Amino acid sequence: DYLNHLINFIYDNFDAFKLVICCSEGTKYSSYIHDLVEIEVTQTELYYERLRQLGKLEGTVSRELHHMITSAYFTAVFETVAHDMTREHAIQYVNELATFFNCGWEGMLRLK
């Protein structure tokens, strides 16, 4: 359900996201997606470490690969804005995208 909340937030502020995603080159916002990816990777790695301590996570992934996969995911999510998808289409697309990426993460990390 968090994905629907995310897409609704983006679409409630569509013009601002359109500017940041499509027109921010040369501004302090040009690294917006990269900055989000860095925050996500850092926080998720802390979460994974805690899961390992609790014996609930077997698999590992390098920080480099984690960053690349997360970057691909965030970039794909924001393609909804770049391509002017309707809110309804974006929700469907992002939910399908999440299914695809979650299958990959589950294969690599093997949650117990």
PDB file of N, CA and C in Angstrom:
ATOM      1  N   ASP A   1       0.819  -1.199   0.000  1.00  0.00           N
ATOM      2  CA  ASP A   1       0.000   0.000   0.000  1.00  0.00           C
ATOM      3  C   ASP A   1       0.863   1.264   0.000  1.00  0.00           C
ATOM      4  N   TYR A   2       2.116   1.141   0.503  1.00  0.00           N
ATOM      5  CA  TYR A   2       2.998   2.301   0.520  1.00  0.00           C
ATOM      6  C   TYR A   2       3.281   2.800  -0.899  1.00  0.00           C
ATOM      7  N   LEU A   3       3.264   1.889  -1.878  1.00  0.00           N
ATOM      8  CA  LEU A   3       3.506   2.308  -3.262  1.00  0.00           C
ATOM      9  C   LEU A   3       2.391   3.222  -3.768  1.00  0.00           C
ATOM     10  N   ASN A   4       1.171   2.878  -3.451  1.00  0.00           N
ATOM     11  CA  ASN A   4       0.050   3.732  -3.850  1.00  0.00           C
ATOM     12  C   ASN A   4       0.172   5.101  -3.184  1.00  0.00           C
ATOM     13  N   HIS A   5       0.587   5.109  -1.913  1.00  0.00           N
ATOM     14  CA  HIS A   5       0.787   6.372  -1.204  1.00  0.00           C
ATOM     15  C   HIS A   5       1.882   7.193  -1.887  1.00  0.00           C
ATOM     16  N   LEU A   6       2.982   6.538  -2.249  1.00  0.00           N
ATOM     17  CA  LEU A   6       4.075   7.222  -2.939  1.00  0.00           C
ATOM     18  C   LEU A   6       3.609   7.827  -4.259  1.00  0.00           C
ATOM     19  N   ILE A   7       2.938   7.039  -5.071  1.00  0.00           N
ATOM     20  CA  ILE A   7       2.476   7.546  -6.372  1.00  0.00           C
ATOM     21  C   ILE A   7       1.469   8.664  -6.183  1.00  0.00           C
ATOM     22  N   ASN A   8       0.577   8.522  -5.227  1.00  0.00           N
ATOM     23  CA  ASN A   8      -0.385   9.603  -4.978  1.00  0.00           C
ATOM     24  C   ASN A   8       0.324  10.880  -4.533  1.00  0.00           C
ATOM     25  N   PHE A   9       1.363  10.759  -3.713  1.00  0.00           N
ATOM     26  CA  PHE A   9       2.128  11.937  -3.309  1.00  0.00           C
ATOM     27  C   PHE A   9       2.791  12.591  -4.520  1.00  0.00           C
ATOM     28  N   ILE A  10       3.411  11.767  -5.358  1.00  0.00           N
ATOM     29  CA  ILE A  10       4.048  12.295  -6.570  1.00  0.00           C
ATOM     30  C   ILE A  10       3.022  13.004  -7.441  1.00  0.00           C
ATOM     31  N   TYR A  11       1.878  12.368  -7.643  1.00  0.00           N
ATOM     32  CA  TYR A  11       0.868  12.949  -8.537  1.00  0.00           C
ATOM     33  C   TYR A  11       0.127  14.133  -7.914  1.00  0.00           C
ATOM     34  N   ASP A  12       0.060  14.180  -6.594  1.00  0.00           N
ATOM     35  CA  ASP A  12      -0.494  15.365  -5.931  1.00  0.00           C
ATOM     36  C   ASP A  12       0.430  16.567  -6.109  1.00  0.00           C
ATOM     37  N   ASN A  13       1.701  16.300  -6.390  1.00  0.00           N
ATOM     38  CA  ASN A  13       2.717  17.338  -6.576  1.00  0.00           C
ATOM     39  C   ASN A  13       3.402  17.176  -7.935  1.00  0.00           C
ATOM     40  N   PHE A  14       2.616  16.795  -8.928  1.00  0.00           N
ATOM     41  CA  PHE A  14       3.160  16.401 -10.229  1.00  0.00           C
ATOM     42  C   PHE A  14       4.034  17.479 -10.874  1.00  0.00           C
ATOM     43  N   ASP A  15       3.593  18.720 -10.869  1.00  0.00           N
ATOM     44  CA  ASP A  15       4.368  19.777 -11.530  1.00  0.00           C
ATOM     45  C   ASP A  15       5.753  19.932 -10.913  1.00  0.00           C
ATOM     46  N   ALA A  16       5.830  19.862  -9.587  1.00  0.00           N
ATOM     47  CA  ALA A  16       7.126  19.969  -8.914  1.00  0.00           C
ATOM     48  C   ALA A  16       8.021  18.787  -9.281  1.00  0.00           C
ATOM     49  N   PHE A  17       7.461  17.583  -9.282  1.00  0.00           N
ATOM     50  CA  PHE A  17       8.255  16.410  -9.653  1.00  0.00           C
ATOM     51  C   PHE A  17       8.670  16.461 -11.114  1.00  0.00           C
ATOM     52  N   LYS A  18       7.810  16.959 -11.971  1.00  0.00           N
ATOM     53  CA  LYS A  18       8.148  17.089 -13.393  1.00  0.00           C
ATOM     54  C   LYS A  18       9.355  18.008 -13.561  1.00  0.00           C
ATOM     55  N   LEU A  19       9.372  19.116 -12.841  1.00  0.00           N
ATOM     56  CA  LEU A  19      10.511  20.033 -12.906  1.00  0.00           C
ATOM     57  C   LEU A  19      11.794  19.358 -12.404  1.00  0.00           C
ATOM     58  N   VAL A  20      11.704  18.681 -11.282  1.00  0.00           N
ATOM     59  CA  VAL A  20      12.892  18.044 -10.702  1.00  0.00           C
ATOM     60  C   VAL A  20      13.394  16.908 -11.586  1.00  0.00           C
ATOM     61  N   ILE A  21      12.509  16.089 -12.080  1.00  0.00           N
ATOM     62  CA  ILE A  21      12.904  14.915 -12.860  1.00  0.00           C
ATOM     63  C   ILE A  21      13.360  15.293 -14.271  1.00  0.00           C
ATOM     64  N   CYS A  22      12.706  16.252 -14.875  1.00  0.00           N
ATOM     65  CA  CYS A  22      12.947  16.539 -16.295  1.00  0.00           C
ATOM     66  C   CYS A  22      13.704  17.835 -16.582  1.00  0.00           C
ATOM     67  N   CYS A  23      13.758  18.737 -15.621  1.00  0.00           N
ATOM     68  CA  CYS A  23      14.301  20.072 -15.940  1.00  0.00           C
ATOM     69  C   CYS A  23      15.293  20.585 -14.895  1.00  0.00           C
ATOM     70  N   SER A  24      15.936  19.718 -14.139  1.00  0.00           N
ATOM     71  CA  SER A  24      16.788  20.199 -13.051  1.00  0.00           C
ATOM     72  C   SER A  24      18.279  20.174 -13.363  1.00  0.00           C
ATOM     73  N   GLU A  25      18.650  19.774 -14.572  1.00  0.00           N
ATOM     74  CA  GLU A  25      20.070  19.740 -14.927  1.00  0.00           C
ATOM     75  C   GLU A  25      20.703  21.103 -14.665  1.00  0.00           C
ATOM     76  N   GLY A  26      21.849  21.091 -13.975  1.00  0.00           N
ATOM     77  CA  GLY A  26      22.543  22.331 -13.663  1.00  0.00           C
ATOM     78  C   GLY A  26      22.080  23.006 -12.387  1.00  0.00           C
ATOM     79  N   THR A  27      21.109  22.412 -11.701  1.00  0.00           N
ATOM     80  CA  THR A  27      20.630  22.976 -10.436  1.00  0.00           C
ATOM     81  C   THR A  27      21.002  22.039  -9.292  1.00  0.00           C
ATOM     82  N   LYS A  28      20.758  22.485  -8.077  1.00  0.00           N
ATOM     83  CA  LYS A  28      21.059  21.645  -6.912  1.00  0.00           C
ATOM     84  C   LYS A  28      20.148  20.415  -6.844  1.00  0.00           C
ATOM     85  N   TYR A  29      19.110  20.387  -7.650  1.00  0.00           N
ATOM     86  CA  TYR A  29      18.186  19.254  -7.656  1.00  0.00           C
ATOM     87  C   TYR A  29      18.532  18.201  -8.709  1.00  0.00           C
ATOM     88  N   SER A  30      19.583  18.415  -9.447  1.00  0.00           N
ATOM     89  CA  SER A  30      19.923  17.492 -10.537  1.00  0.00           C
ATOM     90  C   SER A  30      20.287  16.095 -10.035  1.00  0.00           C
ATOM     91  N   SER A  31      20.671  15.976  -8.783  1.00  0.00           N
ATOM     92  CA  SER A  31      21.026  14.664  -8.234  1.00  0.00           C
ATOM     93  C   SER A  31      19.915  14.107  -7.343  1.00  0.00           C
ATOM     94  N   TYR A  32      18.700  14.580  -7.532  1.00  0.00           N
ATOM     95  CA  TYR A  32      17.574  14.204  -6.670  1.00  0.00           C
ATOM     96  C   TYR A  32      17.394  12.690  -6.575  1.00  0.00           C
ATOM     97  N   ILE A  33      17.326  12.012  -7.701  1.00  0.00           N
ATOM     98  CA  ILE A  33      17.113  10.560  -7.672  1.00  0.00           C
ATOM     99  C   ILE A  33      18.306   9.877  -7.018  1.00  0.00           C
ATOM    100  N   HIS A  34      19.505  10.286  -7.378  1.00  0.00           N
ATOM    101  CA  HIS A  34      20.707   9.695  -6.772  1.00  0.00           C
ATOM    102  C   HIS A  34      20.693   9.897  -5.254  1.00  0.00           C
ATOM    103  N   ASP A  35      20.318  11.065  -4.793  1.00  0.00           N
ATOM    104  CA  ASP A  35      20.265  11.334  -3.352  1.00  0.00           C
ATOM    105  C   ASP A  35      19.233  10.431  -2.662  1.00  0.00           C
ATOM    106  N   LEU A  36      18.077  10.238  -3.295  1.00  0.00           N
ATOM    107  CA  LEU A  36      17.069   9.320  -2.739  1.00  0.00           C
ATOM    108  C   LEU A  36      17.613   7.904  -2.666  1.00  0.00           C
ATOM    109  N   VAL A  37      18.320   7.496  -3.715  1.00  0.00           N
ATOM    110  CA  VAL A  37      18.905   6.152  -3.758  1.00  0.00           C
ATOM    111  C   VAL A  37      19.902   5.974  -2.613  1.00  0.00           C
ATOM    112  N   GLU A  38      20.751   6.952  -2.401  1.00  0.00           N
ATOM    113  CA  GLU A  38      21.740   6.862  -1.319  1.00  0.00           C
ATOM    114  C   GLU A  38      21.067   6.710   0.040  1.00  0.00           C
ATOM    115  N   ILE A  39      20.026   7.494   0.294  1.00  0.00           N
ATOM    116  CA  ILE A  39      19.292   7.385   1.552  1.00  0.00           C
ATOM    117  C   ILE A  39      18.674   6.000   1.686  1.00  0.00           C
ATOM    118  N   GLU A  40      18.025   5.527   0.625  1.00  0.00           N
ATOM    119  CA  GLU A  40      17.375   4.211   0.642  1.00  0.00           C
ATOM    120  C   GLU A  40      18.375   3.100   0.893  1.00  0.00           C
ATOM    121  N   VAL A  41      19.492   3.111   0.196  1.00  0.00           N
ATOM    122  CA  VAL A  41      20.502   2.055   0.353  1.00  0.00           C
ATOM    123  C   VAL A  41      21.067   2.067   1.771  1.00  0.00           C
ATOM    124  N   THR A  42      21.415   3.228   2.267  1.00  0.00           N
ATOM    125  CA  THR A  42      21.980   3.325   3.618  1.00  0.00           C
ATOM    126  C   THR A  42      21.005   2.803   4.661  1.00  0.00           C
ATOM    127  N   GLN A  43      19.762   3.228   4.600  1.00  0.00           N
ATOM    128  CA  GLN A  43      18.775   2.802   5.587  1.00  0.00           C
ATOM    129  C   GLN A  43      18.439   1.315   5.456  1.00  0.00           C
ATOM    130  N   THR A  44      18.359   0.834   4.224  1.00  0.00           N
ATOM    131  CA  THR A  44      18.047  -0.577   4.005  1.00  0.00           C
ATOM    132  C   THR A  44      19.181  -1.467   4.482  1.00  0.00           C
ATOM    133  N   GLU A  45      20.420  -1.041   4.302  1.00  0.00           N
ATOM    134  CA  GLU A  45      21.542  -1.836   4.787  1.00  0.00           C
ATOM    135  C   GLU A  45      21.539  -1.928   6.305  1.00  0.00           C
ATOM    136  N   LEU A  46      21.144  -0.871   6.994  1.00  0.00           N
ATOM    137  CA  LEU A  46      20.996  -0.936   8.451  1.00  0.00           C
ATOM    138  C   LEU A  46      19.921  -1.947   8.833  1.00  0.00           C
ATOM    139  N   TYR A  47      18.825  -1.926   8.104  1.00  0.00           N
ATOM    140  CA  TYR A  47      17.726  -2.874   8.338  1.00  0.00           C
ATOM    141  C   TYR A  47      18.187  -4.304   8.080  1.00  0.00           C
ATOM    142  N   TYR A  48      18.902  -4.534   6.976  1.00  0.00           N
ATOM    143  CA  TYR A  48      19.404  -5.876   6.664  1.00  0.00           C
ATOM    144  C   TYR A  48      20.358  -6.372   7.739  1.00  0.00           C
ATOM    145  N   GLU A  49      21.201  -5.494   8.244  1.00  0.00           N
ATOM    146  CA  GLU A  49      22.133  -5.892   9.299  1.00  0.00           C
ATOM    147  C   GLU A  49      21.384  -6.335  10.544  1.00  0.00           C
ATOM    148  N   ARG A  50      20.335  -5.629  10.874  1.00  0.00           N
ATOM    149  CA  ARG A  50      19.518  -6.011  12.030  1.00  0.00           C
ATOM    150  C   ARG A  50      18.838  -7.363  11.781  1.00  0.00           C
ATOM    151  N   LEU A  51      18.338  -7.589  10.581  1.00  0.00           N
ATOM    152  CA  LEU A  51      17.733  -8.878  10.252  1.00  0.00           C
ATOM    153  C   LEU A  51      18.760 -10.010  10.359  1.00  0.00           C
ATOM    154  N   ARG A  52      19.988  -9.753   9.925  1.00  0.00           N
ATOM    155  CA  ARG A  52      21.049 -10.770  10.043  1.00  0.00           C
ATOM    156  C   ARG A  52      21.322 -11.079  11.516  1.00  0.00           C
ATOM    157  N   GLN A  53      21.396 -10.045  12.344  1.00  0.00           N
ATOM    158  CA  GLN A  53      21.624 -10.235  13.774  1.00  0.00           C
ATOM    159  C   GLN A  53      20.530 -11.093  14.404  1.00  0.00           C
ATOM    160  N   LEU A  54      19.333 -10.962  13.911  1.00  0.00           N
ATOM    161  CA  LEU A  54      18.197 -11.723  14.427  1.00  0.00           C
ATOM    162  C   LEU A  54      18.080 -13.105  13.775  1.00  0.00           C
ATOM    163  N   GLY A  55      18.984 -13.405  12.835  1.00  0.00           N
ATOM    164  CA  GLY A  55      18.949 -14.689  12.139  1.00  0.00           C
ATOM    165  C   GLY A  55      17.826 -14.815  11.139  1.00  0.00           C
ATOM    166  N   LYS A  56      17.346 -13.707  10.614  1.00  0.00           N
ATOM    167  CA  LYS A  56      16.205 -13.723   9.700  1.00  0.00           C
ATOM    168  C   LYS A  56      16.579 -13.438   8.251  1.00  0.00           C
ATOM    169  N   LEU A  57      17.882 -13.296   7.976  1.00  0.00           N
ATOM    170  CA  LEU A  57      18.321 -12.997   6.621  1.00  0.00           C
ATOM    171  C   LEU A  57      19.584 -13.790   6.333  1.00  0.00           C
ATOM    172  N   GLU A  58      19.557 -14.537   5.231  1.00  0.00           N
ATOM    173  CA  GLU A  58      20.702 -15.365   4.869  1.00  0.00           C
ATOM    174  C   GLU A  58      21.571 -14.741   3.791  1.00  0.00           C
ATOM    175  N   GLY A  59      20.970 -14.227   2.764  1.00  0.00           N
ATOM    176  CA  GLY A  59      21.709 -13.762   1.601  1.00  0.00           C
ATOM    177  C   GLY A  59      22.402 -12.428   1.815  1.00  0.00           C
ATOM    178  N   THR A  60      23.292 -12.117   0.884  1.00  0.00           N
ATOM    179  CA  THR A  60      23.975 -10.830   0.915  1.00  0.00           C
ATOM    180  C   THR A  60      23.974 -10.234  -0.477  1.00  0.00           C
ATOM    181  N   VAL A  61      24.212  -8.953  -0.519  1.00  0.00           N
ATOM    182  CA  VAL A  61      24.354  -8.231  -1.777  1.00  0.00           C
ATOM    183  C   VAL A  61      25.365  -7.115  -1.513  1.00  0.00           C
ATOM    184  N   SER A  62      26.268  -6.908  -2.439  1.00  0.00           N
ATOM    185  CA  SER A  62      27.264  -5.857  -2.254  1.00  0.00           C
ATOM    186  C   SER A  62      26.582  -4.495  -2.277  1.00  0.00           C
ATOM    187  N   ARG A  63      27.203  -3.519  -1.643  1.00  0.00           N
ATOM    188  CA  ARG A  63      26.654  -2.163  -1.652  1.00  0.00           C
ATOM    189  C   ARG A  63      26.563  -1.646  -3.087  1.00  0.00           C
ATOM    190  N   GLU A  64      27.561  -1.974  -3.899  1.00  0.00           N
ATOM    191  CA  GLU A  64      27.569  -1.519  -5.290  1.00  0.00           C
ATOM    192  C   GLU A  64      26.359  -2.054  -6.052  1.00  0.00           C
ATOM    193  N   LEU A  65      26.100  -3.355  -5.937  1.00  0.00           N
ATOM    194  CA  LEU A  65      24.946  -3.936  -6.623  1.00  0.00           C
ATOM    195  C   LEU A  65      23.650  -3.403  -6.040  1.00  0.00           C
ATOM    196  N   HIS A  66      23.604  -3.293  -4.705  1.00  0.00           N
ATOM    197  CA  HIS A  66      22.418  -2.749  -4.039  1.00  0.00           C
ATOM    198  C   HIS A  66      22.109  -1.356  -4.591  1.00  0.00           C
ATOM    199  N   HIS A  67      23.128  -0.530  -4.724  1.00  0.00           N
ATOM    200  CA  HIS A  67      22.958   0.818  -5.255  1.00  0.00           C
ATOM    201  C   HIS A  67      22.432   0.774  -6.693  1.00  0.00           C
ATOM    202  N   MET A  68      23.000  -0.088  -7.520  1.00  0.00           N
ATOM    203  CA  MET A  68      22.574  -0.163  -8.923  1.00  0.00           C
ATOM    204  C   MET A  68      21.126  -0.605  -9.057  1.00  0.00           C
ATOM    205  N   ILE A  69      20.742  -1.618  -8.291  1.00  0.00           N
ATOM    206  CA  ILE A  69      19.370  -2.124  -8.370  1.00  0.00           C
ATOM    207  C   ILE A  69      18.384  -1.067  -7.870  1.00  0.00           C
ATOM    208  N   THR A  70      18.729  -0.427  -6.764  1.00  0.00           N
ATOM    209  CA  THR A  70      17.853   0.608  -6.213  1.00  0.00           C
ATOM    210  C   THR A  70      17.755   1.799  -7.160  1.00  0.00           C
ATOM    211  N   SER A  71      18.859   2.161  -7.771  1.00  0.00           N
ATOM    212  CA  SER A  71      18.848   3.248  -8.752  1.00  0.00           C
ATOM    213  C   SER A  71      17.953   2.902  -9.941  1.00  0.00           C
ATOM    214  N   ALA A  72      18.042   1.679 -10.414  1.00  0.00           N
ATOM    215  CA  ALA A  72      17.190   1.249 -11.531  1.00  0.00           C
ATOM    216  C   ALA A  72      15.714   1.328 -11.129  1.00  0.00           C
ATOM    217  N   TYR A  73      15.410   0.918  -9.908  1.00  0.00           N
ATOM    218  CA  TYR A  73      14.027   0.946  -9.434  1.00  0.00           C
ATOM    219  C   TYR A  73      13.500   2.377  -9.341  1.00  0.00           C
ATOM    220  N   PHE A  74      14.254   3.254  -8.676  1.00  0.00           N
ATOM    221  CA  PHE A  74      13.808   4.639  -8.522  1.00  0.00           C
ATOM    222  C   PHE A  74      13.672   5.326  -9.873  1.00  0.00           C
ATOM    223  N   THR A  75      14.625   5.095 -10.752  1.00  0.00           N
ATOM    224  CA  THR A  75      14.552   5.689 -12.090  1.00  0.00           C
ATOM    225  C   THR A  75      13.299   5.218 -12.804  1.00  0.00           C
ATOM    226  N   ALA A  76      13.004   3.929 -12.699  1.00  0.00           N
ATOM    227  CA  ALA A  76      11.813   3.381 -13.346  1.00  0.00           C
ATOM    228  C   ALA A  76      10.538   3.973 -12.749  1.00  0.00           C
ATOM    229  N   VAL A  77      10.494   4.143 -11.442  1.00  0.00           N
ATOM    230  CA  VAL A  77       9.317   4.741 -10.809  1.00  0.00           C
ATOM    231  C   VAL A  77       9.088   6.155 -11.343  1.00  0.00           C
ATOM    232  N   PHE A  78      10.153   6.932 -11.451  1.00  0.00           N
ATOM    233  CA  PHE A  78      10.000   8.316 -11.907  1.00  0.00           C
ATOM    234  C   PHE A  78       9.795   8.436 -13.408  1.00  0.00           C
ATOM    235  N   GLU A  79       9.902   7.330 -14.129  1.00  0.00           N
ATOM    236  CA  GLU A  79       9.539   7.345 -15.550  1.00  0.00           C
ATOM    237  C   GLU A  79       8.059   7.658 -15.715  1.00  0.00           C
ATOM    238  N   THR A  80       7.273   7.390 -14.680  1.00  0.00           N
ATOM    239  CA  THR A  80       5.847   7.727 -14.739  1.00  0.00           C
ATOM    240  C   THR A  80       5.662   9.225 -14.943  1.00  0.00           C
ATOM    241  N   VAL A  81       6.518  10.001 -14.316  1.00  0.00           N
ATOM    242  CA  VAL A  81       6.465  11.460 -14.440  1.00  0.00           C
ATOM    243  C   VAL A  81       7.036  11.889 -15.791  1.00  0.00           C
ATOM    244  N   ALA A  82       8.191  11.353 -16.133  1.00  0.00           N
ATOM    245  CA  ALA A  82       8.859  11.737 -17.386  1.00  0.00           C
ATOM    246  C   ALA A  82       7.975  11.466 -18.600  1.00  0.00           C
ATOM    247  N   HIS A  83       7.157  10.407 -18.521  1.00  0.00           N
ATOM    248  CA  HIS A  83       6.305  10.028 -19.647  1.00  0.00           C
ATOM    249  C   HIS A  83       4.850  10.465 -19.480  1.00  0.00           C
ATOM    250  N   ASP A  84       4.606  11.309 -18.491  1.00  0.00           N
ATOM    251  CA  ASP A  84       3.266  11.869 -18.278  1.00  0.00           C
ATOM    252  C   ASP A  84       2.171  10.809 -18.189  1.00  0.00           C
ATOM    253  N   MET A  85       2.457   9.712 -17.503  1.00  0.00           N
ATOM    254  CA  MET A  85       1.425   8.687 -17.300  1.00  0.00           C
ATOM    255  C   MET A  85       0.309   9.253 -16.440  1.00  0.00           C
ATOM    256  N   THR A  86      -0.869   8.748 -16.631  1.00  0.00           N
ATOM    257  CA  THR A  86      -1.961   9.114 -15.729  1.00  0.00           C
ATOM    258  C   THR A  86      -1.676   8.497 -14.364  1.00  0.00           C
ATOM    259  N   ARG A  87      -2.300   9.034 -13.356  1.00  0.00           N
ATOM    260  CA  ARG A  87      -2.133   8.503 -11.998  1.00  0.00           C
ATOM    261  C   ARG A  87      -2.506   7.012 -11.965  1.00  0.00           C
ATOM    262  N   GLU A  88      -3.620   6.667 -12.590  1.00  0.00           N
ATOM    263  CA  GLU A  88      -4.085   5.281 -12.565  1.00  0.00           C
ATOM    264  C   GLU A  88      -3.084   4.353 -13.259  1.00  0.00           C
ATOM    265  N   HIS A  89      -2.575   4.783 -14.400  1.00  0.00           N
ATOM    266  CA  HIS A  89      -1.586   3.989 -15.119  1.00  0.00           C
ATOM    267  C   HIS A  89      -0.308   3.867 -14.291  1.00  0.00           C
ATOM    268  N   ALA A  90       0.099   4.950 -13.653  1.00  0.00           N
ATOM    269  CA  ALA A  90       1.308   4.935 -12.830  1.00  0.00           C
ATOM    270  C   ALA A  90       1.180   3.966 -11.662  1.00  0.00           C
ATOM    271  N   ILE A  91       0.033   3.942 -11.021  1.00  0.00           N
ATOM    272  CA  ILE A  91      -0.176   3.019  -9.898  1.00  0.00           C
ATOM    273  C   ILE A  91      -0.051   1.579 -10.376  1.00  0.00           C
ATOM    274  N   GLN A  92      -0.688   1.264 -11.482  1.00  0.00           N
ATOM    275  CA  GLN A  92      -0.612  -0.094 -12.032  1.00  0.00           C
ATOM    276  C   GLN A  92       0.836  -0.443 -12.403  1.00  0.00           C
ATOM    277  N   TYR A  93       1.489   0.457 -13.105  1.00  0.00           N
ATOM    278  CA  TYR A  93       2.869   0.254 -13.557  1.00  0.00           C
ATOM    279  C   TYR A  93       3.819   0.036 -12.378  1.00  0.00           C
ATOM    280  N   VAL A  94       3.735   0.881 -11.360  1.00  0.00           N
ATOM    281  CA  VAL A  94       4.653   0.781 -10.227  1.00  0.00           C
ATOM    282  C   VAL A  94       4.392  -0.484  -9.419  1.00  0.00           C
ATOM    283  N   ASN A  95       3.156  -0.902  -9.305  1.00  0.00           N
ATOM    284  CA  ASN A  95       2.874  -2.160  -8.605  1.00  0.00           C
ATOM    285  C   ASN A  95       3.447  -3.352  -9.373  1.00  0.00           C
ATOM    286  N   GLU A  96       3.352  -3.343 -10.688  1.00  0.00           N
ATOM    287  CA  GLU A  96       3.964  -4.404 -11.497  1.00  0.00           C
ATOM    288  C   GLU A  96       5.480  -4.357 -11.383  1.00  0.00           C
ATOM    289  N   LEU A  97       6.035  -3.176 -11.406  1.00  0.00           N
ATOM    290  CA  LEU A  97       7.472  -2.987 -11.260  1.00  0.00           C
ATOM    291  C   LEU A  97       7.956  -3.526  -9.913  1.00  0.00           C
ATOM    292  N   ALA A  98       7.220  -3.242  -8.864  1.00  0.00           N
ATOM    293  CA  ALA A  98       7.578  -3.727  -7.524  1.00  0.00           C
ATOM    294  C   ALA A  98       7.560  -5.247  -7.471  1.00  0.00           C
ATOM    295  N   THR A  99       6.592  -5.868  -8.112  1.00  0.00           N
ATOM    296  CA  THR A  99       6.545  -7.333  -8.150  1.00  0.00           C
ATOM    297  C   THR A  99       7.809  -7.883  -8.785  1.00  0.00           C
ATOM    298  N   PHE A 100       8.202  -7.297  -9.897  1.00  0.00           N
ATOM    299  CA  PHE A 100       9.411  -7.718 -10.598  1.00  0.00           C
ATOM    300  C   PHE A 100      10.651  -7.581  -9.705  1.00  0.00           C
ATOM    301  N   PHE A 101      10.851  -6.413  -9.116  1.00  0.00           N
ATOM    302  CA  PHE A 101      12.032  -6.185  -8.291  1.00  0.00           C
ATOM    303  C   PHE A 101      11.998  -7.015  -7.013  1.00  0.00           C
ATOM    304  N   ASN A 102      10.826  -7.168  -6.399  1.00  0.00           N
ATOM    305  CA  ASN A 102      10.732  -7.955  -5.165  1.00  0.00           C
ATOM    306  C   ASN A 102      11.105  -9.413  -5.392  1.00  0.00           C
ATOM    307  N   CYS A 103      10.733  -9.968  -6.535  1.00  0.00           N
ATOM    308  CA  CYS A 103      11.125 -11.349  -6.849  1.00  0.00           C
ATOM    309  C   CYS A 103      12.643 -11.475  -6.897  1.00  0.00           C
ATOM    310  N   GLY A 104      13.308 -10.504  -7.471  1.00  0.00           N
ATOM    311  CA  GLY A 104      14.768 -10.512  -7.530  1.00  0.00           C
ATOM    312  C   GLY A 104      15.402 -10.402  -6.152  1.00  0.00           C
ATOM    313  N   TRP A 105      14.893  -9.478  -5.336  1.00  0.00           N
ATOM    314  CA  TRP A 105      15.436  -9.318  -3.984  1.00  0.00           C
ATOM    315  C   TRP A 105      15.234 -10.587  -3.166  1.00  0.00           C
ATOM    316  N   GLU A 106      14.059 -11.183  -3.278  1.00  0.00           N
ATOM    317  CA  GLU A 106      13.790 -12.407  -2.515  1.00  0.00           C
ATOM    318  C   GLU A 106      14.742 -13.532  -2.922  1.00  0.00           C
ATOM    319  N   GLY A 107      15.067 -13.618  -4.203  1.00  0.00           N
ATOM    320  CA  GLY A 107      16.000 -14.627  -4.672  1.00  0.00           C
ATOM    321  C   GLY A 107      17.397 -14.419  -4.159  1.00  0.00           C
ATOM    322  N   MET A 108      17.800 -13.171  -3.999  1.00  0.00           N
ATOM    323  CA  MET A 108      19.148 -12.865  -3.552  1.00  0.00           C
ATOM    324  C   MET A 108      19.300 -12.884  -2.038  1.00  0.00           C
ATOM    325  N   LEU A 109      18.293 -12.440  -1.315  1.00  0.00           N
ATOM    326  CA  LEU A 109      18.456 -12.227   0.128  1.00  0.00           C
ATOM    327  C   LEU A 109      17.912 -13.352   0.998  1.00  0.00           C
ATOM    328  N   ARG A 110      17.003 -14.139   0.510  1.00  0.00           N
ATOM    329  CA  ARG A 110      16.495 -15.292   1.230  1.00  0.00           C
ATOM    330  C   ARG A 110      16.121 -14.974   2.696  1.00  0.00           C
ATOM    331  N   LEU A 111      14.996 -14.322   2.858  1.00  0.00           N
ATOM    332  CA  LEU A 111      14.467 -14.047   4.191  1.00  0.00           C
ATOM    333  C   LEU A 111      13.999 -15.350   4.832  1.00  0.00           C
ATOM    334  N   LYS A 112      14.203 -15.470   6.105  1.00  0.00           N
ATOM    335  CA  LYS A 112      13.750 -16.666   6.857  1.00  0.00           C
ATOM    336  C   LYS A 112      12.406 -16.406   7.486  1.00  0.00           C
TER     337      LYS A 112
END
